[in-house]
Amino acid sequence: MSNEKTQQASRLRPVPRELEELIRLANALPSPEKLPEAEPNDRLPVREHWDSDEVVVEELMAGFPAFRSFMDGVNVREEIPAEMVQRCLRLKTIRSILYTIARSHNQRANGLVLGGAYLENLVSVREDAGGNLRIEHDLILRALEGVEAKRICECPRCGKLYWAGRLDKPGCTTECDHVLRQRRYRKNYSEKYKLQRYRRAEEESS
């Protein structure tokens, strides 16, 4: 890596406060494939498939404390659990958008585009006191406006979403950084050692 690229990668960018909160909420549950009864899916955009019903929500609350905290104050056994469904839908939307961005870094050719169902209920039109129409964007869209997409990442070790303050940051925590660097070192060492053995064998046979 050139000095210019090294300096660029190491340049620290603090996470915007609103986006930091969205990432925290998204991490209330593990990555989509680690959820109960989830099926492997490497297609983009990412979609959450767990049901927002009483049984599933209670199981998730029992298994994941952060999700239980997110649902604090909601009566999941209500006859018409409108608030429960709304919260689950919002969390699904946040997670789907952020995981799609994080997984798209090496898979898009012409830039990431999200639309359709992903923006449903995130944009509204209202008339102000003067009779003029105003376009209102949900906090999710406002938090993403102008953000460097490549800094929204998924940890290769644990699957959590994180903000790469430095572009060369490999994982979400110091522990994950250490494990991932060790893995990369062992892989590079193994490949280098294998290449040396091949060269030695060729020299001995010639």
C-alpha atoms as a PDB file:
ATOM      1  CA  MET A   1       0.000   0.000   0.000  1.00  0.00           C
ATOM      2  CA  SER A   2       1.411   3.387  -0.999  1.00  0.00           C
ATOM      3  CA  ASN A   3       2.050   6.085   1.585  1.00  0.00           C
ATOM      4  CA  GLU A   4      -0.886   8.108   0.241  1.00  0.00           C
ATOM      5  CA  LYS A   5      -3.273   5.125   0.498  1.00  0.00           C
ATOM      6  CA  THR A   6      -1.913   4.269   3.945  1.00  0.00           C
ATOM      7  CA  GLN A   7      -2.544   7.803   5.177  1.00  0.00           C
ATOM      8  CA  GLN A   8      -6.032   7.773   3.684  1.00  0.00           C
ATOM      9  CA  ALA A   9      -6.876   4.430   5.303  1.00  0.00           C
ATOM     10  CA  SER A  10      -5.600   5.539   8.709  1.00  0.00           C
ATOM     11  CA  ARG A  11      -7.430   8.887   8.640  1.00  0.00           C
ATOM     12  CA  LEU A  12      -9.938   8.854  11.481  1.00  0.00           C
ATOM     13  CA  ARG A  13     -13.560   9.750  10.830  1.00  0.00           C
ATOM     14  CA  PRO A  14     -15.867   9.868  13.858  1.00  0.00           C
ATOM     15  CA  VAL A  15     -19.226   8.161  13.484  1.00  0.00           C
ATOM     16  CA  PRO A  16     -22.170  10.582  13.141  1.00  0.00           C
ATOM     17  CA  ARG A  17     -24.229  10.472  16.325  1.00  0.00           C
ATOM     18  CA  GLU A  18     -27.523   9.567  14.616  1.00  0.00           C
ATOM     19  CA  LEU A  19     -25.874   6.779  12.614  1.00  0.00           C
ATOM     20  CA  GLU A  20     -24.144   5.456  15.733  1.00  0.00           C
ATOM     21  CA  GLU A  21     -27.571   5.010  17.339  1.00  0.00           C
ATOM     22  CA  LEU A  22     -28.920   3.179  14.273  1.00  0.00           C
ATOM     23  CA  ILE A  23     -25.949   0.790  14.299  1.00  0.00           C
ATOM     24  CA  ARG A  24     -26.493   0.163  17.990  1.00  0.00           C
ATOM     25  CA  LEU A  25     -30.148  -0.658  17.359  1.00  0.00           C
ATOM     26  CA  ALA A  26     -29.285  -2.900  14.412  1.00  0.00           C
ATOM     27  CA  ASN A  27     -26.943  -4.889  16.650  1.00  0.00           C
ATOM     28  CA  ALA A  28     -29.797  -5.678  19.038  1.00  0.00           C
ATOM     29  CA  LEU A  29     -29.976  -8.940  17.069  1.00  0.00           C
ATOM     30  CA  PRO A  30     -27.191 -11.011  15.475  1.00  0.00           C
ATOM     31  CA  SER A  31     -26.599 -11.001  11.718  1.00  0.00           C
ATOM     32  CA  PRO A  32     -29.597 -12.167   9.641  1.00  0.00           C
ATOM     33  CA  GLU A  33     -28.193 -15.653   9.011  1.00  0.00           C
ATOM     34  CA  LYS A  34     -27.666 -16.257  12.737  1.00  0.00           C
ATOM     35  CA  LEU A  35     -31.284 -15.675  13.667  1.00  0.00           C
ATOM     36  CA  PRO A  36     -33.484 -18.679  14.562  1.00  0.00           C
ATOM     37  CA  GLU A  37     -34.701 -20.622  11.509  1.00  0.00           C
ATOM     38  CA  ALA A  38     -32.830 -18.285   9.147  1.00  0.00           C
ATOM     39  CA  GLU A  39     -31.634 -19.617   5.803  1.00  0.00           C
ATOM     40  CA  PRO A  40     -28.302 -18.730   4.148  1.00  0.00           C
ATOM     41  CA  ASN A  41     -28.745 -15.902   1.658  1.00  0.00           C
ATOM     42  CA  ASP A  42     -25.919 -14.108  -0.106  1.00  0.00           C
ATOM     43  CA  ARG A  43     -28.128 -12.002  -2.345  1.00  0.00           C
ATOM     44  CA  LEU A  44     -28.527  -8.251  -2.125  1.00  0.00           C
ATOM     45  CA  PRO A  45     -30.440  -6.369  -0.929  1.00  0.00           C
ATOM     46  CA  VAL A  46     -30.590  -8.067   2.478  1.00  0.00           C
ATOM     47  CA  ARG A  47     -34.056  -8.849   3.810  1.00  0.00           C
ATOM     48  CA  GLU A  48     -35.122  -9.821   7.297  1.00  0.00           C
ATOM     49  CA  HIS A  49     -37.512 -12.788   7.346  1.00  0.00           C
ATOM     50  CA  TRP A  50     -38.412 -13.317  10.999  1.00  0.00           C
ATOM     51  CA  ASP A  51     -42.081 -12.857  11.833  1.00  0.00           C
ATOM     52  CA  SER A  52     -43.315  -9.994  13.987  1.00  0.00           C
ATOM     53  CA  ASP A  53     -45.696 -12.205  15.945  1.00  0.00           C
ATOM     54  CA  GLU A  54     -45.987 -12.791  19.678  1.00  0.00           C
ATOM     55  CA  VAL A  55     -44.208 -16.171  19.755  1.00  0.00           C
ATOM     56  CA  VAL A  56     -41.192 -15.110  17.674  1.00  0.00           C
ATOM     57  CA  VAL A  57     -40.804 -11.763  19.421  1.00  0.00           C
ATOM     58  CA  GLU A  58     -40.916 -13.358  22.874  1.00  0.00           C
ATOM     59  CA  GLU A  59     -38.276 -15.902  21.812  1.00  0.00           C
ATOM     60  CA  LEU A  60     -36.033 -13.132  20.528  1.00  0.00           C
ATOM     61  CA  MET A  61     -36.551 -11.129  23.721  1.00  0.00           C
ATOM     62  CA  ALA A  62     -35.584 -14.181  25.786  1.00  0.00           C
ATOM     63  CA  GLY A  63     -32.471 -14.893  23.724  1.00  0.00           C
ATOM     64  CA  PHE A  64     -31.102 -11.406  23.099  1.00  0.00           C
ATOM     65  CA  PRO A  65     -30.986  -8.847  25.958  1.00  0.00           C
ATOM     66  CA  ALA A  66     -30.400  -5.906  23.613  1.00  0.00           C
ATOM     67  CA  PHE A  67     -33.546  -6.770  21.687  1.00  0.00           C
ATOM     68  CA  ARG A  68     -35.443  -7.119  24.962  1.00  0.00           C
ATOM     69  CA  SER A  69     -34.278  -3.624  25.877  1.00  0.00           C
ATOM     70  CA  PHE A  70     -35.392  -2.348  22.467  1.00  0.00           C
ATOM     71  CA  MET A  71     -38.876  -3.776  23.107  1.00  0.00           C
ATOM     72  CA  ASP A  72     -39.052  -2.431  26.669  1.00  0.00           C
ATOM     73  CA  GLY A  73     -42.505  -1.144  27.527  1.00  0.00           C
ATOM     74  CA  VAL A  74     -44.264  -2.970  24.672  1.00  0.00           C
ATOM     75  CA  ASN A  75     -47.107  -5.339  25.515  1.00  0.00           C
ATOM     76  CA  VAL A  76     -46.473  -8.215  23.101  1.00  0.00           C
ATOM     77  CA  ARG A  77     -49.598 -10.041  24.296  1.00  0.00           C
ATOM     78  CA  GLU A  78     -51.909  -7.185  23.425  1.00  0.00           C
ATOM     79  CA  GLU A  79     -54.919  -8.266  21.340  1.00  0.00           C
ATOM     80  CA  ILE A  80     -53.842  -5.993  18.486  1.00  0.00           C
ATOM     81  CA  PRO A  81     -50.099  -5.459  19.152  1.00  0.00           C
ATOM     82  CA  ALA A  82     -49.710  -2.455  16.871  1.00  0.00           C
ATOM     83  CA  GLU A  83     -46.719  -0.974  18.730  1.00  0.00           C
ATOM     84  CA  MET A  84     -44.882  -4.311  18.740  1.00  0.00           C
ATOM     85  CA  VAL A  85     -45.360  -4.700  14.991  1.00  0.00           C
ATOM     86  CA  GLN A  86     -44.257  -1.111  14.339  1.00  0.00           C
ATOM     87  CA  ARG A  87     -41.082  -1.469  16.394  1.00  0.00           C
ATOM     88  CA  CYS A  88     -40.199  -4.769  14.725  1.00  0.00           C
ATOM     89  CA  LEU A  89     -40.819  -3.300  11.281  1.00  0.00           C
ATOM     90  CA  ARG A  90     -38.572  -0.342  12.085  1.00  0.00           C
ATOM     91  CA  LEU A  91     -35.780  -2.583  13.349  1.00  0.00           C
ATOM     92  CA  LYS A  92     -36.071  -4.784  10.246  1.00  0.00           C
ATOM     93  CA  THR A  93     -35.835  -1.708   8.033  1.00  0.00           C
ATOM     94  CA  ILE A  94     -32.753  -0.379   9.841  1.00  0.00           C
ATOM     95  CA  ARG A  95     -31.010  -3.754   9.750  1.00  0.00           C
ATOM     96  CA  SER A  96     -31.902  -4.473   6.127  1.00  0.00           C
ATOM     97  CA  ILE A  97     -30.564  -1.122   4.934  1.00  0.00           C
ATOM     98  CA  LEU A  98     -27.355  -1.202   6.988  1.00  0.00           C
ATOM     99  CA  TYR A  99     -26.512  -4.839   6.209  1.00  0.00           C
ATOM    100  CA  THR A 100     -27.154  -4.204   2.509  1.00  0.00           C
ATOM    101  CA  ILE A 101     -24.752  -1.260   2.567  1.00  0.00           C
ATOM    102  CA  ALA A 102     -22.123  -3.201   4.534  1.00  0.00           C
ATOM    103  CA  ARG A 103     -22.261  -6.208   2.194  1.00  0.00           C
ATOM    104  CA  SER A 104     -22.336  -4.229  -1.017  1.00  0.00           C
ATOM    105  CA  HIS A 105     -18.802  -2.809  -0.889  1.00  0.00           C
ATOM    106  CA  ASN A 106     -17.292  -5.532  -3.086  1.00  0.00           C
ATOM    107  CA  GLN A 107     -20.420  -6.451  -5.045  1.00  0.00           C
ATOM    108  CA  ARG A 108     -21.563  -3.281  -6.752  1.00  0.00           C
ATOM    109  CA  ALA A 109     -20.257  -1.976 -10.041  1.00  0.00           C
ATOM    110  CA  ASN A 110     -22.168   1.265 -10.500  1.00  0.00           C
ATOM    111  CA  GLY A 111     -22.917   2.295  -6.940  1.00  0.00           C
ATOM    112  CA  LEU A 112     -25.477   1.136  -4.426  1.00  0.00           C
ATOM    113  CA  VAL A 113     -29.105   1.989  -5.068  1.00  0.00           C
ATOM    114  CA  LEU A 114     -31.869   1.249  -2.571  1.00  0.00           C
ATOM    115  CA  GLY A 115     -35.465   2.040  -3.321  1.00  0.00           C
ATOM    116  CA  GLY A 116     -38.947   0.630  -3.448  1.00  0.00           C
ATOM    117  CA  ALA A 117     -39.957  -1.243  -0.316  1.00  0.00           C
ATOM    118  CA  TYR A 118     -36.813  -0.080   1.475  1.00  0.00           C
ATOM    119  CA  LEU A 119     -38.010   3.511   1.475  1.00  0.00           C
ATOM    120  CA  GLU A 120     -41.615   2.695   2.293  1.00  0.00           C
ATOM    121  CA  ASN A 121     -42.816   4.859   5.202  1.00  0.00           C
ATOM    122  CA  LEU A 122     -39.462   6.671   5.308  1.00  0.00           C
ATOM    123  CA  VAL A 123     -40.514   9.606   3.118  1.00  0.00           C
ATOM    124  CA  SER A 124     -43.663  11.673   3.549  1.00  0.00           C
ATOM    125  CA  VAL A 125     -45.193  14.804   2.062  1.00  0.00           C
ATOM    126  CA  ARG A 126     -47.017  17.381   4.169  1.00  0.00           C
ATOM    127  CA  GLU A 127     -48.421  20.850   3.745  1.00  0.00           C
ATOM    128  CA  ASP A 128     -46.948  23.521   5.975  1.00  0.00           C
ATOM    129  CA  ALA A 129     -48.745  26.465   7.567  1.00  0.00           C
ATOM    130  CA  GLY A 130     -48.182  28.539   4.433  1.00  0.00           C
ATOM    131  CA  GLY A 131     -49.753  25.945   2.160  1.00  0.00           C
ATOM    132  CA  ASN A 132     -46.430  24.794   0.709  1.00  0.00           C
ATOM    133  CA  LEU A 133     -45.573  21.133   0.327  1.00  0.00           C
ATOM    134  CA  ARG A 134     -42.633  19.816   2.321  1.00  0.00           C
ATOM    135  CA  ILE A 135     -40.795  16.525   1.847  1.00  0.00           C
ATOM    136  CA  GLU A 136     -39.929  14.944   5.177  1.00  0.00           C
ATOM    137  CA  HIS A 137     -37.311  12.220   5.519  1.00  0.00           C
ATOM    138  CA  ASP A 138     -37.227   9.731   8.355  1.00  0.00           C
ATOM    139  CA  LEU A 139     -34.297   9.800  10.800  1.00  0.00           C
ATOM    140  CA  ILE A 140     -32.854   6.737   9.045  1.00  0.00           C
ATOM    141  CA  LEU A 141     -32.475   8.610   5.762  1.00  0.00           C
ATOM    142  CA  ARG A 142     -31.239  11.769   7.455  1.00  0.00           C
ATOM    143  CA  ALA A 143     -28.585   9.768   9.330  1.00  0.00           C
ATOM    144  CA  LEU A 144     -27.320   8.232   6.070  1.00  0.00           C
ATOM    145  CA  GLU A 145     -27.221  11.431   4.034  1.00  0.00           C
ATOM    146  CA  GLY A 146     -23.668  12.194   2.905  1.00  0.00           C
ATOM    147  CA  VAL A 147     -22.104   9.299   4.852  1.00  0.00           C
ATOM    148  CA  GLU A 148     -19.210   7.341   3.310  1.00  0.00           C
ATOM    149  CA  ALA A 149     -20.789   3.980   2.507  1.00  0.00           C
ATOM    150  CA  LYS A 150     -17.514   2.060   2.848  1.00  0.00           C
ATOM    151  CA  ARG A 151     -17.276   2.996   6.533  1.00  0.00           C
ATOM    152  CA  ILE A 152     -20.451   1.054   7.354  1.00  0.00           C
ATOM    153  CA  CYS A 153     -19.087  -2.463   7.778  1.00  0.00           C
ATOM    154  CA  GLU A 154     -19.977  -5.957   8.950  1.00  0.00           C
ATOM    155  CA  CYS A 155     -17.445  -7.651  11.198  1.00  0.00           C
ATOM    156  CA  PRO A 156     -16.076 -10.762   9.424  1.00  0.00           C
ATOM    157  CA  ARG A 157     -15.646 -12.486  12.786  1.00  0.00           C
ATOM    158  CA  CYS A 158     -18.874 -11.901  14.722  1.00  0.00           C
ATOM    159  CA  GLY A 159     -21.230 -10.424  12.127  1.00  0.00           C
ATOM    160  CA  LYS A 160     -21.957  -7.200  14.008  1.00  0.00           C
ATOM    161  CA  LEU A 161     -22.269  -3.916  12.172  1.00  0.00           C
ATOM    162  CA  TYR A 162     -19.722  -1.218  12.966  1.00  0.00           C
ATOM    163  CA  TRP A 163     -18.403   2.140  11.810  1.00  0.00           C
ATOM    164  CA  ALA A 164     -14.875   1.983  10.422  1.00  0.00           C
ATOM    165  CA  GLY A 165     -13.424   5.199  11.798  1.00  0.00           C
ATOM    166  CA  ARG A 166     -10.259   4.046  10.056  1.00  0.00           C
ATOM    167  CA  LEU A 167     -10.760   2.344   6.695  1.00  0.00           C
ATOM    168  CA  ASP A 168      -8.126  -0.261   7.557  1.00  0.00           C
ATOM    169  CA  LYS A 169      -9.978  -1.320  10.721  1.00  0.00           C
ATOM    170  CA  PRO A 170     -10.742  -5.031  10.125  1.00  0.00           C
ATOM    171  CA  GLY A 171     -13.319  -5.717  12.862  1.00  0.00           C
ATOM    172  CA  CYS A 172     -15.820  -4.198  15.256  1.00  0.00           C
ATOM    173  CA  THR A 173     -13.781  -4.440  18.481  1.00  0.00           C
ATOM    174  CA  THR A 174     -10.169  -4.683  19.588  1.00  0.00           C
ATOM    175  CA  GLU A 175     -10.686  -8.392  20.236  1.00  0.00           C
ATOM    176  CA  CYS A 176     -12.102  -9.011  16.752  1.00  0.00           C
ATOM    177  CA  ASP A 177      -9.320  -6.864  15.223  1.00  0.00           C
ATOM    178  CA  HIS A 178      -6.703  -9.052  16.918  1.00  0.00           C
ATOM    179  CA  VAL A 179      -8.296 -12.340  15.852  1.00  0.00           C
ATOM    180  CA  LEU A 180      -8.746 -11.192  12.250  1.00  0.00           C
ATOM    181  CA  ARG A 181      -5.161  -9.936  12.000  1.00  0.00           C
ATOM    182  CA  GLN A 182      -3.922 -13.261  13.390  1.00  0.00           C
ATOM    183  CA  ARG A 183      -5.996 -15.131  10.807  1.00  0.00           C
ATOM    184  CA  ARG A 184      -4.631 -12.967   8.005  1.00  0.00           C
ATOM    185  CA  TYR A 185      -1.072 -13.461   9.241  1.00  0.00           C
ATOM    186  CA  ARG A 186      -1.480 -17.255   9.410  1.00  0.00           C
ATOM    187  CA  LYS A 187      -3.041 -17.331   5.943  1.00  0.00           C
ATOM    188  CA  ASN A 188      -0.282 -15.200   4.421  1.00  0.00           C
ATOM    189  CA  TYR A 189       2.406 -17.178   6.237  1.00  0.00           C
ATOM    190  CA  SER A 190       0.912 -20.479   5.081  1.00  0.00           C
ATOM    191  CA  GLU A 191       0.746 -19.318   1.462  1.00  0.00           C
ATOM    192  CA  LYS A 192       4.295 -17.960   1.594  1.00  0.00           C
ATOM    193  CA  TYR A 193       5.588 -21.192   3.176  1.00  0.00           C
ATOM    194  CA  LYS A 194       3.749 -23.290   0.581  1.00  0.00           C
ATOM    195  CA  LEU A 195       5.266 -21.248  -2.251  1.00  0.00           C
ATOM    196  CA  GLN A 196       8.753 -21.688  -0.773  1.00  0.00           C
ATOM    197  CA  ARG A 197       8.233 -25.477  -0.623  1.00  0.00           C
ATOM    198  CA  TYR A 198       7.145 -25.571  -4.270  1.00  0.00           C
ATOM    199  CA  ARG A 199      10.210 -23.573  -5.334  1.00  0.00           C
ATOM    200  CA  ARG A 200      12.499 -25.794  -3.270  1.00  0.00           C
ATOM    201  CA  ALA A 201      10.965 -28.909  -4.823  1.00  0.00           C
ATOM    202  CA  GLU A 202      11.421 -27.494  -8.328  1.00  0.00           C
ATOM    203  CA  GLU A 203      15.046 -26.620  -7.621  1.00  0.00           C
ATOM    204  CA  GLU A 204      15.766 -30.102  -6.265  1.00  0.00           C
ATOM    205  CA  SER A 205      14.141 -31.804  -9.275  1.00  0.00           C
ATOM    206  CA  SER A 206      16.022 -29.692 -11.840  1.00  0.00           C
END
